[in-house]
Amino acid sequence: MSEKVEIKTIKPFGPAIAKVSMPKKILYELNTYIDNLIKDEKKSKEQDHGYSLVGNVKQEIKLEDKIIEDSRWKEFLEKCTSIWIESITRKKINEFKLIDSWVVRQFQNEYNPAHWHNGHISGAGFLKVPSNFGQTIQKNKRKNQNGNLSLIHGSRHFLNNSIFDITPIEGDLYFFPHYLMHTVYPFLNSHEERRSISFNARIDENIFNVHG
């Protein structure tokens, strides 16, 4: 992959988080794949793996190996993970195994409860974002978290935040360790789709397992 990858490491609390921008070509190919898939009612049902995931959302589509390879999604994830892990640990990974990747189709009043993933490295990014997520039910709230992704770790202490809020922006992709709790809030007053993508992967056990 020839594209230059710029990775921003974010560390608002214990675990490090990485933020990258997805290449427009990958974004286009993944969205086109999903758009075509949902037109095929039979295949759309076959690929829906919502029953095995925690989200209370319209549809969660497990990506097929072919689109993962053809769109270069796996290649992009591996490259970003390698750069990110080396920047933190000063160690080069030799293994990157993508366990699974899926797309979450979320509409108004739907949500993803607090949960964590398996594997070693996980991530969540945004393929489509509604033009607005609606207003808060009570007016003049200091913060509107409708549709936000929140990463959660530990508890609130002086000079230590336990929640990192992420406002969805199309093309943004975040990497984090699999154990990091996270949740997605519902949104209101919109019939548009909030479309996100997630993945789980394994890397070298000797790099992941810091306890030896």
Protein backbone atom coordinates (compact mmCIF):
# COMPACT_ATOMS: atom_id res chain seq x y z
CA MET A 1 0.00 0.00 0.00
CA SER A 2 1.59 3.25 -1.18
CA GLU A 3 -0.66 5.72 0.65
CA LYS A 4 0.98 7.66 3.45
CA VAL A 5 -0.54 6.80 6.81
CA GLU A 6 -0.63 9.42 9.53
CA ILE A 7 -1.39 8.01 12.95
CA LYS A 8 -2.23 10.10 15.98
CA THR A 9 -1.81 8.31 19.30
CA ILE A 10 -4.25 9.45 21.96
CA LYS A 11 -3.71 8.63 25.61
CA PRO A 12 -6.39 10.35 27.71
CA PHE A 13 -6.10 7.60 30.34
CA GLY A 14 -4.23 4.31 30.77
CA PRO A 15 -4.57 2.47 27.45
CA ALA A 16 -3.22 4.16 24.32
CA ILE A 17 -5.61 4.84 21.46
CA ALA A 18 -4.76 5.50 17.81
CA LYS A 19 -6.70 7.65 15.37
CA VAL A 20 -6.30 7.45 11.59
CA SER A 21 -8.19 8.52 8.48
CA MET A 22 -9.43 5.78 6.20
CA PRO A 23 -8.38 6.11 2.54
CA LYS A 24 -11.28 7.39 0.44
CA LYS A 25 -11.02 4.42 -1.92
CA ILE A 26 -11.46 1.92 0.93
CA LEU A 27 -14.32 3.98 2.36
CA TYR A 28 -16.04 4.01 -1.04
CA GLU A 29 -15.57 0.27 -1.66
CA LEU A 30 -16.84 -0.76 1.77
CA ASN A 31 -19.90 1.51 1.51
CA THR A 32 -20.64 0.30 -2.02
CA TYR A 33 -20.41 -3.31 -0.84
CA ILE A 34 -22.87 -2.66 2.00
CA ASP A 35 -25.23 -0.63 -0.21
CA ASN A 36 -25.38 -3.49 -2.71
CA LEU A 37 -25.69 -6.14 -0.02
CA ILE A 38 -28.74 -4.60 1.64
CA LYS A 39 -30.53 -4.58 -1.73
CA ASP A 40 -30.23 -8.38 -1.77
CA GLU A 41 -32.69 -9.44 0.93
CA LYS A 42 -31.55 -13.07 1.05
CA LYS A 43 -27.84 -12.32 1.29
CA SER A 44 -28.46 -9.43 3.66
CA LYS A 45 -30.10 -11.84 6.11
CA GLU A 46 -27.35 -14.42 5.67
CA GLN A 47 -24.63 -11.88 6.48
CA ASP A 48 -26.46 -10.41 9.48
CA HIS A 49 -24.62 -11.53 12.61
CA GLY A 50 -26.48 -9.28 15.03
CA TYR A 51 -27.67 -12.32 17.00
CA SER A 52 -24.07 -13.00 18.12
CA LEU A 53 -23.22 -9.36 18.96
CA VAL A 54 -24.42 -7.09 21.78
CA GLY A 55 -25.76 -4.15 19.79
CA ASN A 56 -29.46 -3.28 19.90
CA VAL A 57 -29.37 -2.04 16.31
CA LYS A 58 -31.01 -2.68 12.95
CA GLN A 59 -28.27 -4.82 11.41
CA GLU A 60 -24.68 -5.98 12.00
CA ILE A 61 -23.10 -7.35 8.84
CA LYS A 62 -20.09 -9.64 9.01
CA LEU A 63 -17.74 -8.82 6.14
CA GLU A 64 -16.83 -11.57 3.71
CA ASP A 65 -13.18 -12.46 3.16
CA LYS A 66 -13.37 -11.33 -0.47
CA ILE A 67 -14.32 -7.70 0.26
CA ILE A 68 -11.83 -7.58 3.12
CA GLU A 69 -9.06 -8.54 0.70
CA ASP A 70 -10.29 -6.78 -2.46
CA SER A 71 -10.85 -3.45 -0.72
CA ARG A 72 -7.42 -3.73 0.95
CA TRP A 73 -9.14 -3.22 4.30
CA LYS A 74 -7.06 -5.94 5.96
CA GLU A 75 -3.86 -4.58 4.44
CA PHE A 76 -4.67 -1.10 5.76
CA LEU A 77 -5.46 -2.41 9.25
CA GLU A 78 -2.23 -4.39 9.37
CA LYS A 79 -0.14 -1.41 8.26
CA CYS A 80 -1.72 0.94 10.79
CA THR A 81 -1.46 -1.58 13.61
CA SER A 82 2.21 -2.22 12.86
CA ILE A 83 3.09 1.49 12.86
CA TRP A 84 1.05 2.15 16.01
CA ILE A 85 2.40 -0.75 18.08
CA GLU A 86 5.99 -0.01 17.12
CA SER A 87 5.56 3.67 18.05
CA ILE A 88 4.47 2.65 21.55
CA THR A 89 6.49 -0.49 22.29
CA ARG A 90 9.50 0.00 19.97
CA LYS A 91 8.86 -3.56 18.81
CA LYS A 92 7.98 -4.70 15.30
CA ILE A 93 5.05 -7.06 14.99
CA ASN A 94 5.52 -10.11 12.78
CA GLU A 95 2.00 -11.42 13.07
CA PHE A 96 -1.31 -9.79 12.27
CA LYS A 97 -4.32 -12.08 12.15
CA LEU A 98 -7.65 -10.47 11.42
CA ILE A 99 -10.23 -12.46 13.40
CA ASP A 100 -13.31 -10.72 12.05
CA SER A 101 -14.67 -7.41 10.83
CA TRP A 102 -18.27 -6.24 10.69
CA VAL A 103 -20.40 -3.23 9.84
CA VAL A 104 -23.00 -1.83 12.25
CA ARG A 105 -26.09 -0.18 10.77
CA GLN A 106 -27.64 2.00 13.47
CA PHE A 107 -30.73 4.19 13.23
CA GLN A 108 -32.57 6.51 15.62
CA ASN A 109 -33.25 5.20 19.16
CA GLU A 110 -30.85 2.28 18.67
CA TYR A 111 -27.68 1.79 20.73
CA ASN A 112 -24.71 -0.41 21.58
CA PRO A 113 -24.37 -1.17 25.32
CA ALA A 114 -21.03 -1.06 27.15
CA HIS A 115 -18.92 -4.03 26.06
CA TRP A 116 -15.44 -5.16 25.07
CA HIS A 117 -14.04 -7.35 22.30
CA ASN A 118 -11.85 -10.44 21.97
CA GLY A 119 -8.43 -10.83 20.36
CA HIS A 120 -5.64 -8.32 21.07
CA ILE A 121 -6.38 -5.22 18.99
CA SER A 122 -9.82 -3.84 18.16
CA GLY A 123 -11.09 -0.81 16.34
CA ALA A 124 -14.12 1.20 15.32
CA GLY A 125 -14.55 3.65 12.46
CA PHE A 126 -17.28 5.54 10.68
CA LEU A 127 -18.47 4.82 7.14
CA LYS A 128 -21.58 7.04 7.13
CA VAL A 129 -22.77 9.70 9.57
CA PRO A 130 -26.21 11.36 9.73
CA SER A 131 -26.37 15.07 8.96
CA ASN A 132 -27.37 15.54 12.61
CA PHE A 133 -27.98 13.38 15.67
CA GLY A 134 -30.89 15.39 17.03
CA GLN A 135 -31.22 17.57 20.10
CA THR A 136 -31.12 16.53 23.72
CA ILE A 137 -34.49 15.80 25.32
CA GLN A 138 -33.85 18.36 28.04
CA LYS A 139 -32.89 21.69 26.49
CA ASN A 140 -29.67 23.59 27.22
CA LYS A 141 -27.66 20.52 28.15
CA ARG A 142 -23.95 21.26 28.46
CA LYS A 143 -23.09 18.34 26.19
CA ASN A 144 -24.97 16.44 23.49
CA GLN A 145 -23.70 12.87 23.31
CA ASN A 146 -26.28 11.59 20.81
CA GLY A 147 -24.66 9.02 18.52
CA ASN A 148 -21.25 9.33 20.19
CA LEU A 149 -18.80 6.49 20.75
CA SER A 150 -17.45 6.52 24.32
CA LEU A 151 -14.32 4.65 25.37
CA ILE A 152 -14.29 3.80 29.08
CA HIS A 153 -11.47 2.85 31.45
CA GLY A 154 -11.23 2.88 35.23
CA SER A 155 -13.03 5.41 37.39
CA ARG A 156 -13.03 9.19 37.63
CA HIS A 157 -10.28 10.69 39.79
CA PHE A 158 -8.53 14.02 40.16
CA LEU A 159 -6.57 14.73 36.92
CA ASN A 160 -7.79 11.44 35.48
CA ASN A 161 -10.77 11.08 33.15
CA SER A 162 -12.39 7.68 32.77
CA ILE A 163 -14.40 8.39 29.60
CA PHE A 164 -13.16 9.54 26.21
CA ASP A 165 -16.03 10.76 24.00
CA ILE A 166 -15.75 10.52 20.23
CA THR A 167 -18.05 12.42 17.90
CA PRO A 168 -18.44 10.36 14.68
CA ILE A 169 -16.82 11.85 11.60
CA GLU A 170 -16.97 9.97 8.31
CA GLY A 171 -13.64 8.28 7.57
CA ASP A 172 -12.23 8.45 11.13
CA LEU A 173 -10.97 5.15 12.51
CA TYR A 174 -9.84 4.42 16.08
CA PHE A 175 -7.64 1.56 17.28
CA PHE A 176 -7.58 0.39 20.91
CA PRO A 177 -6.71 -2.68 23.01
CA HIS A 178 -9.47 -5.28 22.93
CA TYR A 179 -10.28 -5.02 26.65
CA LEU A 180 -11.18 -1.33 26.51
CA MET A 181 -14.86 -0.94 27.38
CA HIS A 182 -16.91 1.14 24.97
CA THR A 183 -20.49 2.07 24.19
CA VAL A 184 -22.47 3.89 21.49
CA TYR A 185 -25.33 6.19 22.48
CA PRO A 186 -28.65 6.37 20.64
CA PHE A 187 -29.56 9.41 18.59
CA LEU A 188 -32.83 11.21 17.90
CA ASN A 189 -34.74 13.09 15.21
CA SER A 190 -33.04 11.47 12.25
CA HIS A 191 -34.05 8.72 9.85
CA GLU A 192 -30.53 8.60 8.44
CA GLU A 193 -28.09 5.76 9.02
CA ARG A 194 -25.09 5.84 11.32
CA ARG A 195 -22.85 3.23 9.68
CA SER A 196 -19.73 2.10 11.53
CA ILE A 197 -17.14 -0.62 11.04
CA SER A 198 -15.32 -2.67 13.67
CA PHE A 199 -12.66 -5.35 13.78
CA ASN A 200 -10.76 -7.71 16.08
CA ALA A 201 -7.22 -8.91 15.43
CA ARG A 202 -4.36 -10.79 17.04
CA ILE A 203 -0.70 -9.82 17.01
CA ASP A 204 2.48 -11.48 18.30
CA GLU A 205 1.70 -13.05 21.68
CA ASN A 206 5.10 -12.07 23.11
CA ILE A 207 4.33 -8.37 22.39
CA PHE A 208 0.75 -8.49 23.63
CA ASN A 209 1.45 -10.50 26.77
CA VAL A 210 3.37 -7.95 28.90
CA HIS A 211 3.20 -10.30 31.89
CA GLY A 212 5.41 -12.83 30.13
